[in-house]
Full PDB file with SEQRES, HELIX, SHEET, SSBOND, CRYST1, ORIGX, SCALE, CONECT and MASTER records, all heavy atoms in Angstrom:
SEQRES   1 A   33  ASP TRP THR ASP ALA ILE TYR PRO ILE MET ASP ILE HIS          
SEQRES   2 A   33  ALA ALA LYS THR ASN SER SER ALA THR ALA LEU CYS THR          
SEQRES   3 A   33  ASP PHE ASP PHE CYS ALA GLN                                  
HELIX    1 AA1 TRP A    2  ILE A    6  3                                   5    
HELIX    2 AA2 TYR A    7  ILE A    9  5                                   3    
SSBOND   1 CYS A   25    CYS A   31                          1555   1555  2.40  
CRYST1    1.000    1.000    1.000  90.00  90.00  90.00 P 1           1          
ORIGX1      1.000000  0.000000  0.000000        0.00000                         
ORIGX2      0.000000  1.000000  0.000000        0.00000                         
ORIGX3      0.000000  0.000000  1.000000        0.00000                         
SCALE1      1.000000  0.000000  0.000000        0.00000                         
SCALE2      0.000000  1.000000  0.000000        0.00000                         
SCALE3      0.000000  0.000000  1.000000        0.00000                         
ATOM      1  N   ASP A   1     111.595  51.863 152.870  1.00  0.00           N  
ATOM      2  CA  ASP A   1     110.659  52.662 153.557  1.00  0.00           C  
ATOM      3  C   ASP A   1     109.920  51.803 154.481  1.00  0.00           C  
ATOM      4  O   ASP A   1     109.228  50.887 153.936  1.00  0.00           O  
ATOM      5  CB  ASP A   1     109.817  53.494 152.623  1.00  0.00           C  
ATOM      6  CG  ASP A   1     108.801  54.368 153.248  1.00  0.00           C  
ATOM      7  OD1 ASP A   1     107.924  53.894 154.041  1.00  0.00           O  
ATOM      8  OD2 ASP A   1     109.029  55.639 153.161  1.00  0.00           O  
ATOM      9  N   TRP A   2     109.894  51.870 155.754  1.00  0.00           N  
ATOM     10  CA  TRP A   2     109.279  51.037 156.663  1.00  0.00           C  
ATOM     11  C   TRP A   2     107.747  51.058 156.468  1.00  0.00           C  
ATOM     12  O   TRP A   2     107.056  50.129 156.241  1.00  0.00           O  
ATOM     13  CB  TRP A   2     109.669  51.306 158.059  1.00  0.00           C  
ATOM     14  CG  TRP A   2     108.860  50.439 159.072  1.00  0.00           C  
ATOM     15  CD1 TRP A   2     108.004  51.022 159.961  1.00  0.00           C  
ATOM     16  CD2 TRP A   2     108.810  49.027 159.202  1.00  0.00           C  
ATOM     17  NE1 TRP A   2     107.419  49.918 160.736  1.00  0.00           N  
ATOM     18  CE2 TRP A   2     107.874  48.706 160.247  1.00  0.00           C  
ATOM     19  CE3 TRP A   2     109.403  47.984 158.666  1.00  0.00           C  
ATOM     20  CZ2 TRP A   2     107.622  47.385 160.701  1.00  0.00           C  
ATOM     21  CZ3 TRP A   2     109.240  46.697 159.008  1.00  0.00           C  
ATOM     22  CH2 TRP A   2     108.257  46.371 159.982  1.00  0.00           C  
ATOM     23  N   THR A   3     107.164  52.298 156.630  1.00  0.00           N  
ATOM     24  CA  THR A   3     105.789  52.433 156.713  1.00  0.00           C  
ATOM     25  C   THR A   3     104.987  52.073 155.417  1.00  0.00           C  
ATOM     26  O   THR A   3     104.103  51.417 155.359  1.00  0.00           O  
ATOM     27  CB  THR A   3     105.390  53.944 157.043  1.00  0.00           C  
ATOM     28  OG1 THR A   3     106.091  54.173 158.295  1.00  0.00           O  
ATOM     29  CG2 THR A   3     103.912  54.177 157.224  1.00  0.00           C  
ATOM     30  N   ASP A   4     105.601  52.638 154.186  1.00  0.00           N  
ATOM     31  CA  ASP A   4     104.991  52.393 152.945  1.00  0.00           C  
ATOM     32  C   ASP A   4     105.475  51.277 152.162  1.00  0.00           C  
ATOM     33  O   ASP A   4     104.849  51.017 151.107  1.00  0.00           O  
ATOM     34  CB  ASP A   4     105.138  53.679 152.187  1.00  0.00           C  
ATOM     35  CG  ASP A   4     104.392  54.898 152.763  1.00  0.00           C  
ATOM     36  OD1 ASP A   4     103.373  54.632 153.414  1.00  0.00           O  
ATOM     37  OD2 ASP A   4     105.027  55.905 152.726  1.00  0.00           O  
ATOM     38  N   ALA A   5     106.399  50.427 152.497  1.00  0.00           N  
ATOM     39  CA  ALA A   5     106.968  49.465 151.728  1.00  0.00           C  
ATOM     40  C   ALA A   5     107.200  48.143 152.462  1.00  0.00           C  
ATOM     41  O   ALA A   5     106.587  47.019 152.099  1.00  0.00           O  
ATOM     42  CB  ALA A   5     108.197  49.758 151.007  1.00  0.00           C  
ATOM     43  N   ILE A   6     107.935  48.182 153.497  1.00  0.00           N  
ATOM     44  CA  ILE A   6     108.333  46.889 154.212  1.00  0.00           C  
ATOM     45  C   ILE A   6     107.246  46.467 155.108  1.00  0.00           C  
ATOM     46  O   ILE A   6     106.914  45.337 155.178  1.00  0.00           O  
ATOM     47  CB  ILE A   6     109.631  47.076 154.952  1.00  0.00           C  
ATOM     48  CG1 ILE A   6     110.811  47.394 153.952  1.00  0.00           C  
ATOM     49  CG2 ILE A   6     109.967  45.679 155.584  1.00  0.00           C  
ATOM     50  CD1 ILE A   6     111.064  46.411 152.795  1.00  0.00           C  
ATOM     51  N   TYR A   7     106.666  47.377 155.999  1.00  0.00           N  
ATOM     52  CA  TYR A   7     105.559  47.015 156.865  1.00  0.00           C  
ATOM     53  C   TYR A   7     104.417  46.257 156.145  1.00  0.00           C  
ATOM     54  O   TYR A   7     103.958  45.242 156.635  1.00  0.00           O  
ATOM     55  CB  TYR A   7     105.107  48.213 157.707  1.00  0.00           C  
ATOM     56  CG  TYR A   7     104.074  47.781 158.643  1.00  0.00           C  
ATOM     57  CD1 TYR A   7     104.288  47.224 159.805  1.00  0.00           C  
ATOM     58  CD2 TYR A   7     102.737  48.069 158.242  1.00  0.00           C  
ATOM     59  CE1 TYR A   7     103.222  46.876 160.758  1.00  0.00           C  
ATOM     60  CE2 TYR A   7     101.692  47.704 159.156  1.00  0.00           C  
ATOM     61  CZ  TYR A   7     101.986  47.108 160.417  1.00  0.00           C  
ATOM     62  OH  TYR A   7     100.856  46.822 161.272  1.00  0.00           O  
ATOM     63  N   PRO A   8     103.928  46.809 154.985  1.00  0.00           N  
ATOM     64  CA  PRO A   8     102.770  46.222 154.434  1.00  0.00           C  
ATOM     65  C   PRO A   8     103.069  44.847 153.805  1.00  0.00           C  
ATOM     66  O   PRO A   8     102.170  43.996 153.637  1.00  0.00           O  
ATOM     67  CB  PRO A   8     102.470  47.071 153.164  1.00  0.00           C  
ATOM     68  CG  PRO A   8     103.134  48.370 153.574  1.00  0.00           C  
ATOM     69  CD  PRO A   8     104.309  48.111 154.436  1.00  0.00           C  
ATOM     70  N   ILE A   9     104.417  44.365 153.640  1.00  0.00           N  
ATOM     71  CA  ILE A   9     104.617  43.074 152.995  1.00  0.00           C  
ATOM     72  C   ILE A   9     105.071  42.039 154.068  1.00  0.00           C  
ATOM     73  O   ILE A   9     105.280  40.888 153.821  1.00  0.00           O  
ATOM     74  CB  ILE A   9     105.683  43.226 151.915  1.00  0.00           C  
ATOM     75  CG1 ILE A   9     107.011  43.672 152.415  1.00  0.00           C  
ATOM     76  CG2 ILE A   9     105.208  44.066 150.805  1.00  0.00           C  
ATOM     77  CD1 ILE A   9     108.210  43.606 151.398  1.00  0.00           C  
ATOM     78  N   MET A  10     105.182  42.555 155.293  1.00  0.00           N  
ATOM     79  CA  MET A  10     105.691  41.630 156.350  1.00  0.00           C  
ATOM     80  C   MET A  10     104.569  41.358 157.260  1.00  0.00           C  
ATOM     81  O   MET A  10     103.551  42.034 157.390  1.00  0.00           O  
ATOM     82  CB  MET A  10     106.714  42.324 157.250  1.00  0.00           C  
ATOM     83  CG  MET A  10     108.019  42.712 156.553  1.00  0.00           C  
ATOM     84  SD  MET A  10     108.981  41.279 156.215  1.00  0.00           S  
ATOM     85  CE  MET A  10     109.648  40.714 157.780  1.00  0.00           C  
ATOM     86  N   ASP A  11     104.553  40.127 157.848  1.00  0.00           N  
ATOM     87  CA  ASP A  11     103.441  39.614 158.701  1.00  0.00           C  
ATOM     88  C   ASP A  11     104.059  39.381 160.172  1.00  0.00           C  
ATOM     89  O   ASP A  11     104.263  38.285 160.520  1.00  0.00           O  
ATOM     90  CB  ASP A  11     102.856  38.410 158.182  1.00  0.00           C  
ATOM     91  CG  ASP A  11     101.591  38.030 158.926  1.00  0.00           C  
ATOM     92  OD1 ASP A  11     100.993  38.846 159.711  1.00  0.00           O  
ATOM     93  OD2 ASP A  11     101.186  36.819 158.921  1.00  0.00           O  
ATOM     94  N   ILE A  12     104.421  40.597 160.759  1.00  0.00           N  
ATOM     95  CA  ILE A  12     104.945  40.532 162.116  1.00  0.00           C  
ATOM     96  C   ILE A  12     104.430  41.543 162.898  1.00  0.00           C  
ATOM     97  O   ILE A  12     103.772  42.561 162.503  1.00  0.00           O  
ATOM     98  CB  ILE A  12     106.528  40.757 162.161  1.00  0.00           C  
ATOM     99  CG1 ILE A  12     106.901  42.052 161.511  1.00  0.00           C  
ATOM    100  CG2 ILE A  12     107.309  39.628 161.466  1.00  0.00           C  
ATOM    101  CD1 ILE A  12     108.359  42.408 161.607  1.00  0.00           C  
ATOM    102  N   HIS A  13     104.377  41.310 164.278  1.00  0.00           N  
ATOM    103  CA  HIS A  13     103.779  42.222 165.271  1.00  0.00           C  
ATOM    104  C   HIS A  13     104.750  43.345 165.427  1.00  0.00           C  
ATOM    105  O   HIS A  13     105.664  43.219 166.340  1.00  0.00           O  
ATOM    106  CB  HIS A  13     103.339  41.514 166.529  1.00  0.00           C  
ATOM    107  CG  HIS A  13     102.705  42.402 167.633  1.00  0.00           C  
ATOM    108  ND1 HIS A  13     103.266  42.606 168.744  1.00  0.00           N  
ATOM    109  CD2 HIS A  13     101.672  43.014 167.538  1.00  0.00           C  
ATOM    110  CE1 HIS A  13     102.403  43.384 169.464  1.00  0.00           C  
ATOM    111  NE2 HIS A  13     101.455  43.672 168.663  1.00  0.00           N  
ATOM    112  N   ALA A  14     104.620  44.394 164.767  1.00  0.00           N  
ATOM    113  CA  ALA A  14     105.526  45.514 164.794  1.00  0.00           C  
ATOM    114  C   ALA A  14     104.778  46.910 164.755  1.00  0.00           C  
ATOM    115  O   ALA A  14     103.643  46.886 164.277  1.00  0.00           O  
ATOM    116  CB  ALA A  14     106.564  45.485 163.587  1.00  0.00           C  
ATOM    117  N   ALA A  15     105.524  47.840 165.204  1.00  0.00           N  
ATOM    118  CA  ALA A  15     104.883  49.234 165.115  1.00  0.00           C  
ATOM    119  C   ALA A  15     104.919  49.589 163.663  1.00  0.00           C  
ATOM    120  O   ALA A  15     105.701  49.365 162.840  1.00  0.00           O  
ATOM    121  CB  ALA A  15     105.881  50.155 165.824  1.00  0.00           C  
ATOM    122  N   LYS A  16     103.724  50.163 163.303  1.00  0.00           N  
ATOM    123  CA  LYS A  16     103.489  50.494 161.916  1.00  0.00           C  
ATOM    124  C   LYS A  16     104.414  51.750 161.445  1.00  0.00           C  
ATOM    125  O   LYS A  16     104.724  51.949 160.299  1.00  0.00           O  
ATOM    126  CB  LYS A  16     102.042  50.856 161.599  1.00  0.00           C  
ATOM    127  CG  LYS A  16     101.736  50.995 160.119  1.00  0.00           C  
ATOM    128  CD  LYS A  16     100.250  51.197 159.927  1.00  0.00           C  
ATOM    129  CE  LYS A  16      99.936  51.393 158.504  1.00  0.00           C  
ATOM    130  NZ  LYS A  16      98.595  51.469 158.201  1.00  0.00           N  
ATOM    131  N   THR A  17     104.693  52.701 162.489  1.00  0.00           N  
ATOM    132  CA  THR A  17     105.347  53.863 162.149  1.00  0.00           C  
ATOM    133  C   THR A  17     106.751  53.637 162.516  1.00  0.00           C  
ATOM    134  O   THR A  17     107.151  52.697 163.287  1.00  0.00           O  
ATOM    135  CB  THR A  17     104.655  55.104 162.821  1.00  0.00           C  
ATOM    136  OG1 THR A  17     104.732  54.798 164.257  1.00  0.00           O  
ATOM    137  CG2 THR A  17     103.357  55.390 162.350  1.00  0.00           C  
ATOM    138  N   ASN A  18     107.666  54.519 162.012  1.00  0.00           N  
ATOM    139  CA  ASN A  18     109.154  54.442 162.358  1.00  0.00           C  
ATOM    140  C   ASN A  18     109.299  54.589 163.929  1.00  0.00           C  
ATOM    141  O   ASN A  18     108.654  55.457 164.509  1.00  0.00           O  
ATOM    142  CB  ASN A  18     109.861  55.563 161.656  1.00  0.00           C  
ATOM    143  CG  ASN A  18     110.189  55.263 160.210  1.00  0.00           C  
ATOM    144  OD1 ASN A  18     110.454  54.174 159.839  1.00  0.00           O  
ATOM    145  ND2 ASN A  18     109.880  56.165 159.322  1.00  0.00           N  
ATOM    146  N   SER A  19     110.045  53.833 164.384  1.00  0.00           N  
ATOM    147  CA  SER A  19     110.425  53.884 165.820  1.00  0.00           C  
ATOM    148  C   SER A  19     111.728  54.687 165.932  1.00  0.00           C  
ATOM    149  O   SER A  19     112.508  54.840 164.990  1.00  0.00           O  
ATOM    150  CB  SER A  19     110.676  52.449 166.354  1.00  0.00           C  
ATOM    151  OG  SER A  19     109.417  51.700 166.211  1.00  0.00           O  
ATOM    152  N   SER A  20     111.941  55.182 167.192  1.00  0.00           N  
ATOM    153  CA  SER A  20     113.134  55.860 167.406  1.00  0.00           C  
ATOM    154  C   SER A  20     114.256  54.828 167.645  1.00  0.00           C  
ATOM    155  O   SER A  20     114.206  53.922 168.207  1.00  0.00           O  
ATOM    156  CB  SER A  20     113.007  56.770 168.749  1.00  0.00           C  
ATOM    157  OG  SER A  20     114.338  57.164 169.233  1.00  0.00           O  
ATOM    158  N   ALA A  21     115.446  55.198 166.913  1.00  0.00           N  
ATOM    159  CA  ALA A  21     116.550  54.256 166.981  1.00  0.00           C  
ATOM    160  C   ALA A  21     117.075  54.189 168.411  1.00  0.00           C  
ATOM    161  O   ALA A  21     117.852  53.165 168.749  1.00  0.00           O  
ATOM    162  CB  ALA A  21     117.635  54.764 166.019  1.00  0.00           C  
ATOM    163  N   THR A  22     116.971  55.172 169.258  1.00  0.00           N  
ATOM    164  CA  THR A  22     117.488  55.145 170.566  1.00  0.00           C  
ATOM    165  C   THR A  22     116.485  54.718 171.683  1.00  0.00           C  
ATOM    166  O   THR A  22     116.877  54.626 172.873  1.00  0.00           O  
ATOM    167  CB  THR A  22     118.029  56.466 170.915  1.00  0.00           C  
ATOM    168  OG1 THR A  22     117.020  57.506 170.772  1.00  0.00           O  
ATOM    169  CG2 THR A  22     119.160  56.991 169.929  1.00  0.00           C  
ATOM    170  N   ALA A  23     115.272  54.565 171.290  1.00  0.00           N  
ATOM    171  CA  ALA A  23     114.213  54.179 172.326  1.00  0.00           C  
ATOM    172  C   ALA A  23     114.245  52.642 172.271  1.00  0.00           C  
ATOM    173  O   ALA A  23     114.249  51.972 171.411  1.00  0.00           O  
ATOM    174  CB  ALA A  23     112.949  54.783 171.952  1.00  0.00           C  
ATOM    175  N   LEU A  24     113.915  52.161 173.603  1.00  0.00           N  
ATOM    176  CA  LEU A  24     113.898  50.787 173.739  1.00  0.00           C  
ATOM    177  C   LEU A  24     112.431  50.226 173.149  1.00  0.00           C  
ATOM    178  O   LEU A  24     111.457  50.969 173.298  1.00  0.00           O  
ATOM    179  CB  LEU A  24     113.648  50.402 175.317  1.00  0.00           C  
ATOM    180  CG  LEU A  24     113.942  49.041 175.760  1.00  0.00           C  
ATOM    181  CD1 LEU A  24     115.280  48.420 175.443  1.00  0.00           C  
ATOM    182  CD2 LEU A  24     113.685  48.995 177.214  1.00  0.00           C  
ATOM    183  N   CYS A  25     112.510  49.203 172.321  1.00  0.00           N  
ATOM    184  CA  CYS A  25     111.329  48.649 171.818  1.00  0.00           C  
ATOM    185  C   CYS A  25     110.503  47.956 172.825  1.00  0.00           C  
ATOM    186  O   CYS A  25     111.006  46.980 173.570  1.00  0.00           O  
ATOM    187  CB  CYS A  25     111.813  47.662 170.621  1.00  0.00           C  
ATOM    188  SG  CYS A  25     110.250  46.882 169.822  1.00  0.00           S  
ATOM    189  N   THR A  26     109.285  48.420 173.180  1.00  0.00           N  
ATOM    190  CA  THR A  26     108.581  47.883 174.271  1.00  0.00           C  
ATOM    191  C   THR A  26     107.110  47.463 173.906  1.00  0.00           C  
ATOM    192  O   THR A  26     106.632  46.493 174.480  1.00  0.00           O  
ATOM    193  CB  THR A  26     108.525  48.869 175.482  1.00  0.00           C  
ATOM    194  OG1 THR A  26     107.882  50.060 174.993  1.00  0.00           O  
ATOM    195  CG2 THR A  26     109.882  49.123 176.011  1.00  0.00           C  
ATOM    196  N   ASP A  27     106.456  48.189 173.151  1.00  0.00           N  
ATOM    197  CA  ASP A  27     105.068  47.907 172.959  1.00  0.00           C  
ATOM    198  C   ASP A  27     104.822  46.924 171.819  1.00  0.00           C  
ATOM    199  O   ASP A  27     103.551  46.439 171.708  1.00  0.00           O  
ATOM    200  CB  ASP A  27     104.285  49.208 172.423  1.00  0.00           C  
ATOM    201  CG  ASP A  27     104.400  50.268 173.681  1.00  0.00           C  
ATOM    202  OD1 ASP A  27     104.499  49.741 174.840  1.00  0.00           O  
ATOM    203  OD2 ASP A  27     104.270  51.464 173.305  1.00  0.00           O  
ATOM    204  N   PHE A  28     105.704  46.409 171.086  1.00  0.00           N  
ATOM    205  CA  PHE A  28     105.527  45.419 169.995  1.00  0.00           C  
ATOM    206  C   PHE A  28     106.657  44.383 170.042  1.00  0.00           C  
ATOM    207  O   PHE A  28     107.599  44.492 170.796  1.00  0.00           O  
ATOM    208  CB  PHE A  28     105.560  46.202 168.640  1.00  0.00           C  
ATOM    209  CG  PHE A  28     104.536  47.228 168.450  1.00  0.00           C  
ATOM    210  CD1 PHE A  28     104.717  48.578 168.739  1.00  0.00           C  
ATOM    211  CD2 PHE A  28     103.331  46.870 167.897  1.00  0.00           C  
ATOM    212  CE1 PHE A  28     103.718  49.527 168.667  1.00  0.00           C  
ATOM    213  CE2 PHE A  28     102.285  47.738 167.740  1.00  0.00           C  
ATOM    214  CZ  PHE A  28     102.503  49.130 168.023  1.00  0.00           C  
ATOM    215  N   ASP A  29     106.324  43.358 169.337  1.00  0.00           N  
ATOM    216  CA  ASP A  29     107.495  42.284 169.226  1.00  0.00           C  
ATOM    217  C   ASP A  29     108.721  42.849 168.566  1.00  0.00           C  
ATOM    218  O   ASP A  29     109.838  42.465 168.808  1.00  0.00           O  
ATOM    219  CB  ASP A  29     107.040  41.066 168.583  1.00  0.00           C  
ATOM    220  CG  ASP A  29     105.985  40.262 169.259  1.00  0.00           C  
ATOM    221  OD1 ASP A  29     105.770  40.457 170.584  1.00  0.00           O  
ATOM    222  OD2 ASP A  29     105.141  39.487 168.703  1.00  0.00           O  
ATOM    223  N   PHE A  30     108.368  43.765 167.549  1.00  0.00           N  
ATOM    224  CA  PHE A  30     109.563  44.399 166.788  1.00  0.00           C  
ATOM    225  C   PHE A  30     109.297  45.863 166.574  1.00  0.00           C  
ATOM    226  O   PHE A  30     108.097  46.377 166.499  1.00  0.00           O  
ATOM    227  CB  PHE A  30     109.578  43.720 165.429  1.00  0.00           C  
ATOM    228  CG  PHE A  30     109.971  42.260 165.467  1.00  0.00           C  
ATOM    229  CD1 PHE A  30     108.949  41.341 165.361  1.00  0.00           C  
ATOM    230  CD2 PHE A  30     111.322  41.839 165.405  1.00  0.00           C  
ATOM    231  CE1 PHE A  30     109.160  39.944 165.338  1.00  0.00           C  
ATOM    232  CE2 PHE A  30     111.555  40.515 165.505  1.00  0.00           C  
ATOM    233  CZ  PHE A  30     110.506  39.558 165.537  1.00  0.00           C  
ATOM    234  N   CYS A  31     110.341  46.606 166.570  1.00  0.00           N  
ATOM    235  CA  CYS A  31     110.330  48.003 166.121  1.00  0.00           C  
ATOM    236  C   CYS A  31     111.203  48.175 164.847  1.00  0.00           C  
ATOM    237  O   CYS A  31     112.112  47.283 164.657  1.00  0.00           O  
ATOM    238  CB  CYS A  31     110.858  48.916 167.305  1.00  0.00           C  
ATOM    239  SG  CYS A  31     109.791  48.949 168.696  1.00  0.00           S  
ATOM    240  N   ALA A  32     110.991  49.237 164.168  1.00  0.00           N  
ATOM    241  CA  ALA A  32     111.763  49.321 162.893  1.00  0.00           C  
ATOM    242  C   ALA A  32     111.838  50.816 162.567  1.00  0.00           C  
ATOM    243  O   ALA A  32     111.100  51.680 163.004  1.00  0.00           O  
ATOM    244  CB  ALA A  32     111.075  48.663 161.786  1.00  0.00           C  
ATOM    245  N   GLN A  33     112.902  51.108 161.690  1.00  0.00           N  
ATOM    246  CA  GLN A  33     113.088  52.429 161.240  1.00  0.00           C  
ATOM    247  C   GLN A  33     113.381  52.294 159.709  1.00  0.00           C  
ATOM    248  O   GLN A  33     114.374  51.492 159.255  1.00  0.00           O  
ATOM    249  CB  GLN A  33     114.143  53.145 161.978  1.00  0.00           C  
ATOM    250  CG  GLN A  33     114.307  54.680 161.603  1.00  0.00           C  
ATOM    251  CD  GLN A  33     115.222  55.308 162.487  1.00  0.00           C  
ATOM    252  OE1 GLN A  33     116.458  55.078 162.339  1.00  0.00           O  
ATOM    253  NE2 GLN A  33     114.791  56.045 163.489  1.00  0.00           N  
TER     254      GLN A  33                                                      
CONECT  188  239                                                                
CONECT  239  188                                                                
MASTER        0    0    0    2    0    0    0    6  253    1    2    3          
END                                                                             
């Protein structure tokens, strides 16, 4: 689970919520689902 498990244990500049798999990642260094 990105929002409740992986995001809290990672130290990267990423979107906190799930990103769309088909949308270009633009606002963060990383996007995730």
